[in-house]
Amino acid sequence: MSISPLIIGEFDDSILTKYFGQAGYGVFCAPTMIEDHVMEQFNVSIIGKTNDIKEHYYLISPERKVKNPAVQHLLTEGKKLFKQPMA
């Protein structure tokens, strides 16, 4: 199957991308984790899924040992959520 997309825009802003999709100008990717929220907020539907796209999140701290309780909480919950070992 050969698909030749007509690209009408490339956006760095994910919200703008979703609004264009909502208006019927195309399709966009969204994380599975927030698919229900995206479908409800933008009145869009899922047309397909893939496991081949990954998104990485980084929490950067100038401290070698994190002391801030809020940052410690983010690290702990992020580890549980993503089930990945922390570096």
Protein backbone atom coordinates (compact mmCIF):
# COMPACT_ATOMS: atom_id res chain seq x y z
CA MET A 1 0.00 0.00 0.00
CA SER A 2 1.36 3.41 -0.95
CA ILE A 3 0.25 6.44 1.04
CA SER A 4 1.21 9.95 -0.04
CA PRO A 5 0.21 12.39 2.70
CA LEU A 6 -0.54 16.02 1.98
CA ILE A 7 1.33 17.90 4.70
CA ILE A 8 -0.47 21.14 5.56
CA GLY A 9 1.66 22.05 8.56
CA GLU A 10 4.35 21.00 10.98
CA PHE A 11 3.90 22.18 14.55
CA ASP A 12 6.13 22.33 17.60
CA ASP A 13 3.06 23.05 19.72
CA SER A 14 1.12 19.86 20.49
CA ILE A 15 -2.06 21.78 21.37
CA LEU A 16 -2.06 23.52 17.98
CA THR A 17 -1.63 20.12 16.33
CA LYS A 18 -4.66 18.79 18.20
CA TYR A 19 -6.77 21.80 17.22
CA PHE A 20 -5.93 21.26 13.56
CA GLY A 21 -6.91 17.59 13.95
CA GLN A 22 -10.11 18.60 15.71
CA ALA A 23 -10.98 20.92 12.82
CA GLY A 24 -10.63 18.01 10.40
CA TYR A 25 -7.36 19.09 8.79
CA GLY A 26 -5.53 15.86 9.54
CA VAL A 27 -4.45 13.31 12.08
CA PHE A 28 -2.06 13.52 15.02
CA CYS A 29 -0.38 11.27 17.56
CA ALA A 30 -1.19 11.40 21.25
CA PRO A 31 0.11 9.33 24.16
CA THR A 32 -2.05 6.33 25.07
CA MET A 33 -1.82 7.45 28.69
CA ILE A 34 -3.99 10.52 27.96
CA GLU A 35 -6.09 9.20 25.06
CA ASP A 36 -9.39 9.46 26.96
CA HIS A 37 -8.65 13.08 27.88
CA VAL A 38 -7.65 13.97 24.30
CA MET A 39 -10.74 12.31 22.81
CA GLU A 40 -13.03 14.14 25.23
CA GLN A 41 -11.37 17.56 25.07
CA PHE A 42 -10.93 17.68 21.29
CA ASN A 43 -13.90 15.52 20.24
CA VAL A 44 -11.69 13.21 18.17
CA SER A 45 -11.54 9.43 17.68
CA ILE A 46 -8.75 6.88 17.63
CA ILE A 47 -7.99 5.63 14.12
CA GLY A 48 -5.06 3.39 15.06
CA LYS A 49 -2.43 2.53 17.64
CA THR A 50 1.25 1.66 17.58
CA ASN A 51 3.88 0.63 20.09
CA ASP A 52 6.66 1.86 17.80
CA ILE A 53 6.65 5.47 19.03
CA LYS A 54 8.21 6.28 22.40
CA GLU A 55 8.27 9.56 24.28
CA HIS A 56 10.95 10.26 26.86
CA TYR A 57 10.60 12.42 29.95
CA TYR A 58 13.51 13.84 31.91
CA LEU A 59 13.64 15.36 35.36
CA ILE A 60 16.82 17.40 35.67
CA SER A 61 18.17 18.50 39.03
CA PRO A 62 21.43 20.28 39.87
CA GLU A 63 21.69 18.15 43.03
CA ARG A 64 23.41 14.79 42.83
CA LYS A 65 21.17 13.52 45.63
CA VAL A 66 17.65 14.90 45.33
CA LYS A 67 16.55 16.52 48.59
CA ASN A 68 13.43 18.40 47.54
CA PRO A 69 10.37 16.37 48.68
CA ALA A 70 8.33 17.38 45.63
CA VAL A 71 11.06 16.23 43.24
CA GLN A 72 11.52 13.00 45.24
CA HIS A 73 7.78 12.38 44.91
CA LEU A 74 7.91 12.94 41.14
CA LEU A 75 10.78 10.48 40.81
CA THR A 76 9.06 7.83 42.94
CA GLU A 77 5.70 8.13 41.19
CA GLY A 78 7.30 8.34 37.76
CA LYS A 79 9.17 5.12 38.44
CA LYS A 80 5.91 3.39 39.41
CA LEU A 81 4.01 4.84 36.47
CA PHE A 82 6.52 4.00 33.80
CA LYS A 83 7.89 0.84 35.49
CA GLN A 84 11.42 1.70 34.42
CA PRO A 85 14.50 1.79 36.63
CA MET A 86 15.73 5.27 37.44
CA ALA A 87 19.23 6.10 36.22
